[in-house]
N, C-alpha and C. Protein backbone atom coordinates (compact mmCIF):
# COMPACT_ATOMS: atom_id res chain seq x y z
N MET A 1 7.01 -5.02 3.57
CA MET A 1 7.94 -5.71 2.69
C MET A 1 9.20 -4.89 2.47
N ASN A 2 9.03 -3.58 2.26
CA ASN A 2 10.20 -2.73 2.01
C ASN A 2 11.11 -2.62 3.22
N ILE A 3 10.55 -2.84 4.40
CA ILE A 3 11.37 -2.84 5.60
C ILE A 3 12.32 -4.03 5.56
N TRP A 4 11.77 -5.21 5.26
CA TRP A 4 12.58 -6.42 5.25
C TRP A 4 13.58 -6.44 4.10
N LEU A 5 13.24 -5.74 3.01
CA LEU A 5 14.16 -5.66 1.87
C LEU A 5 15.12 -4.47 1.99
N ALA A 6 15.05 -3.74 3.09
CA ALA A 6 15.90 -2.57 3.34
C ALA A 6 15.79 -1.56 2.19
N GLN A 7 14.55 -1.18 1.87
CA GLN A 7 14.27 -0.21 0.81
C GLN A 7 13.47 0.97 1.37
N PRO A 8 14.07 1.78 2.23
CA PRO A 8 13.33 2.89 2.82
C PRO A 8 12.87 3.94 1.81
N GLU A 9 13.51 3.99 0.66
CA GLU A 9 13.12 4.97 -0.36
C GLU A 9 11.78 4.63 -1.00
N LYS A 10 11.29 3.40 -0.81
CA LYS A 10 10.03 2.98 -1.42
C LYS A 10 8.84 3.03 -0.47
N SER A 11 9.09 3.29 0.79
CA SER A 11 7.99 3.27 1.76
C SER A 11 8.30 4.23 2.89
N ILE A 12 7.35 5.08 3.19
CA ILE A 12 7.53 6.00 4.31
C ILE A 12 7.56 5.24 5.63
N VAL A 13 6.86 4.11 5.69
CA VAL A 13 6.89 3.29 6.89
C VAL A 13 8.28 2.69 7.07
N ALA A 14 8.87 2.20 5.98
CA ALA A 14 10.23 1.66 6.05
C ALA A 14 11.22 2.76 6.43
N GLU A 15 11.05 3.95 5.84
CA GLU A 15 11.94 5.06 6.17
C GLU A 15 11.83 5.41 7.65
N HIS A 16 10.61 5.49 8.15
CA HIS A 16 10.40 5.79 9.57
C HIS A 16 11.05 4.72 10.45
N SER A 17 10.89 3.47 10.06
CA SER A 17 11.49 2.38 10.82
C SER A 17 13.01 2.51 10.89
N PHE A 18 13.63 2.84 9.75
CA PHE A 18 15.09 2.96 9.71
C PHE A 18 15.59 4.22 10.42
N THR A 19 14.94 5.36 10.18
CA THR A 19 15.45 6.61 10.74
C THR A 19 15.16 6.74 12.23
N GLN A 20 14.07 6.14 12.69
CA GLN A 20 13.69 6.24 14.10
C GLN A 20 14.11 5.02 14.92
N GLY A 21 14.65 4.02 14.23
CA GLY A 21 15.08 2.81 14.93
C GLY A 21 13.93 2.00 15.50
N GLN A 22 12.76 2.14 14.90
CA GLN A 22 11.60 1.39 15.37
C GLN A 22 11.42 0.14 14.53
N VAL A 23 11.13 -0.95 15.19
CA VAL A 23 10.93 -2.22 14.51
C VAL A 23 9.44 -2.45 14.29
N ILE A 24 9.08 -2.80 13.07
CA ILE A 24 7.70 -3.15 12.75
C ILE A 24 7.56 -4.65 12.96
N HIS A 25 6.65 -5.06 13.81
CA HIS A 25 6.45 -6.47 14.10
C HIS A 25 5.31 -7.02 13.25
N PRO A 26 5.60 -8.04 12.44
CA PRO A 26 4.56 -8.60 11.55
C PRO A 26 3.30 -9.04 12.29
N HIS A 27 3.43 -9.54 13.50
CA HIS A 27 2.24 -10.03 14.22
C HIS A 27 1.36 -8.87 14.70
N ASP A 28 1.86 -7.64 14.63
CA ASP A 28 1.07 -6.47 15.01
C ASP A 28 0.44 -5.77 13.81
N THR A 29 0.60 -6.33 12.63
CA THR A 29 0.06 -5.70 11.42
C THR A 29 -1.24 -6.38 11.02
N LYS A 30 -2.00 -5.72 10.16
CA LYS A 30 -3.26 -6.27 9.67
C LYS A 30 -3.21 -6.37 8.16
N ILE A 31 -3.80 -7.41 7.62
CA ILE A 31 -3.91 -7.60 6.19
C ILE A 31 -5.28 -7.10 5.76
N PRO A 32 -5.34 -6.05 4.90
CA PRO A 32 -6.63 -5.46 4.56
C PRO A 32 -7.50 -6.30 3.63
N SER A 33 -6.94 -7.33 3.04
CA SER A 33 -7.72 -8.15 2.12
C SER A 33 -7.15 -9.56 2.12
N ASN A 34 -7.98 -10.53 1.81
CA ASN A 34 -7.51 -11.91 1.75
C ASN A 34 -7.47 -12.44 0.32
N LYS A 35 -7.35 -11.54 -0.64
CA LYS A 35 -7.26 -11.95 -2.04
C LYS A 35 -5.95 -12.71 -2.25
N SER A 36 -6.00 -13.78 -3.03
CA SER A 36 -4.80 -14.59 -3.20
C SER A 36 -4.15 -14.42 -4.57
N GLY A 37 -4.91 -14.01 -5.58
CA GLY A 37 -4.33 -13.85 -6.90
C GLY A 37 -3.55 -12.55 -7.02
N HIS A 38 -2.48 -12.58 -7.77
CA HIS A 38 -1.62 -11.39 -7.91
C HIS A 38 -2.39 -10.20 -8.46
N MET A 39 -3.18 -10.42 -9.50
CA MET A 39 -3.94 -9.32 -10.10
C MET A 39 -5.00 -8.81 -9.13
N ASP A 40 -5.65 -9.70 -8.40
CA ASP A 40 -6.63 -9.28 -7.38
C ASP A 40 -5.97 -8.36 -6.36
N CYS A 41 -4.76 -8.70 -5.94
CA CYS A 41 -4.04 -7.87 -4.96
C CYS A 41 -3.71 -6.51 -5.54
N LEU A 42 -3.27 -6.47 -6.79
CA LEU A 42 -2.93 -5.20 -7.43
C LEU A 42 -4.15 -4.29 -7.55
N ILE A 43 -5.27 -4.88 -7.94
CA ILE A 43 -6.51 -4.11 -8.09
C ILE A 43 -6.98 -3.61 -6.73
N MET A 44 -6.96 -4.47 -5.72
CA MET A 44 -7.39 -4.07 -4.38
C MET A 44 -6.50 -2.94 -3.85
N GLU A 45 -5.21 -3.04 -4.07
CA GLU A 45 -4.30 -1.98 -3.63
C GLU A 45 -4.60 -0.67 -4.37
N ALA A 46 -4.85 -0.74 -5.67
CA ALA A 46 -5.16 0.46 -6.45
C ALA A 46 -6.45 1.12 -5.94
N ILE A 47 -7.44 0.31 -5.59
CA ILE A 47 -8.69 0.85 -5.05
C ILE A 47 -8.44 1.52 -3.70
N LYS A 48 -7.70 0.85 -2.83
CA LYS A 48 -7.40 1.42 -1.51
C LYS A 48 -6.63 2.72 -1.64
N LEU A 49 -5.68 2.78 -2.57
CA LEU A 49 -4.90 4.00 -2.76
C LEU A 49 -5.76 5.12 -3.32
N GLU A 50 -6.71 4.79 -4.17
CA GLU A 50 -7.63 5.79 -4.72
C GLU A 50 -8.53 6.35 -3.61
N LEU A 51 -8.95 5.49 -2.69
CA LEU A 51 -9.81 5.92 -1.60
C LEU A 51 -9.05 6.70 -0.53
N GLN A 52 -7.73 6.50 -0.46
CA GLN A 52 -6.89 7.17 0.53
C GLN A 52 -5.80 7.95 -0.18
N PRO A 53 -6.13 9.08 -0.80
CA PRO A 53 -5.13 9.80 -1.60
C PRO A 53 -3.95 10.34 -0.80
N ASN A 54 -4.09 10.54 0.49
CA ASN A 54 -2.98 11.03 1.31
C ASN A 54 -2.29 9.87 2.03
N ASN A 55 -2.06 8.80 1.30
CA ASN A 55 -1.44 7.61 1.87
C ASN A 55 0.08 7.75 1.92
N MET A 56 0.74 6.76 2.46
CA MET A 56 2.20 6.80 2.59
C MET A 56 2.91 6.05 1.47
N ASN A 57 2.18 5.55 0.50
CA ASN A 57 2.77 4.78 -0.58
C ASN A 57 3.65 5.67 -1.46
N ARG A 58 4.82 5.18 -1.83
CA ARG A 58 5.74 5.96 -2.67
C ARG A 58 5.86 5.40 -4.09
N GLU A 59 5.26 4.27 -4.34
CA GLU A 59 5.33 3.68 -5.66
C GLU A 59 4.01 3.91 -6.39
N ASP A 60 4.08 4.08 -7.69
CA ASP A 60 2.86 4.29 -8.46
C ASP A 60 1.97 3.06 -8.47
N GLY A 61 2.55 1.90 -8.66
CA GLY A 61 1.78 0.67 -8.65
C GLY A 61 0.83 0.57 -9.83
N PHE A 62 -0.15 -0.30 -9.71
CA PHE A 62 -1.15 -0.54 -10.73
C PHE A 62 -2.11 0.64 -10.79
N LYS A 63 -2.37 1.14 -11.97
CA LYS A 63 -3.27 2.28 -12.16
C LYS A 63 -4.61 1.82 -12.69
N LEU A 64 -5.66 2.27 -12.05
CA LEU A 64 -7.01 1.99 -12.53
C LEU A 64 -7.37 2.95 -13.65
N SER A 65 -8.23 2.52 -14.52
CA SER A 65 -8.76 3.39 -15.57
C SER A 65 -9.54 4.53 -14.92
N ASN A 66 -9.48 5.71 -15.51
CA ASN A 66 -10.22 6.85 -14.99
C ASN A 66 -11.72 6.60 -14.92
N SER A 67 -12.21 5.70 -15.76
CA SER A 67 -13.64 5.41 -15.76
C SER A 67 -14.08 4.74 -14.45
N TRP A 68 -13.17 4.13 -13.72
CA TRP A 68 -13.50 3.49 -12.45
C TRP A 68 -13.49 4.47 -11.28
N LYS A 69 -12.78 5.59 -11.41
CA LYS A 69 -12.56 6.49 -10.28
C LYS A 69 -13.85 7.06 -9.70
N SER A 70 -14.79 7.45 -10.54
CA SER A 70 -16.05 8.00 -10.01
C SER A 70 -16.84 6.92 -9.28
N LEU A 71 -16.82 5.70 -9.77
CA LEU A 71 -17.51 4.60 -9.10
C LEU A 71 -16.87 4.31 -7.75
N ILE A 72 -15.56 4.29 -7.69
CA ILE A 72 -14.85 4.01 -6.45
C ILE A 72 -15.15 5.09 -5.42
N GLN A 73 -15.24 6.33 -5.84
CA GLN A 73 -15.54 7.42 -4.92
C GLN A 73 -16.93 7.27 -4.28
N LEU A 74 -17.83 6.57 -4.96
CA LEU A 74 -19.16 6.32 -4.40
C LEU A 74 -19.13 5.31 -3.27
N LEU A 75 -18.08 4.52 -3.20
CA LEU A 75 -17.95 3.54 -2.13
C LEU A 75 -17.76 4.26 -0.83
């Protein structure tokens, strides 16, 4: 999304695309979840970010309660 909105400061992928002149093709990407509700998407993203602490995300986004973190780590 940040690539199409020309916001390289919000995504390392967008920055890479702009600085390296590489085009990200939507048909070559994968959607990690099929959740349709906005809150479902925010929660799923927060879980994925918690599971992948060395991710490329630059925005804080939705924060899970600390009480969930130990449970998520068990996944």
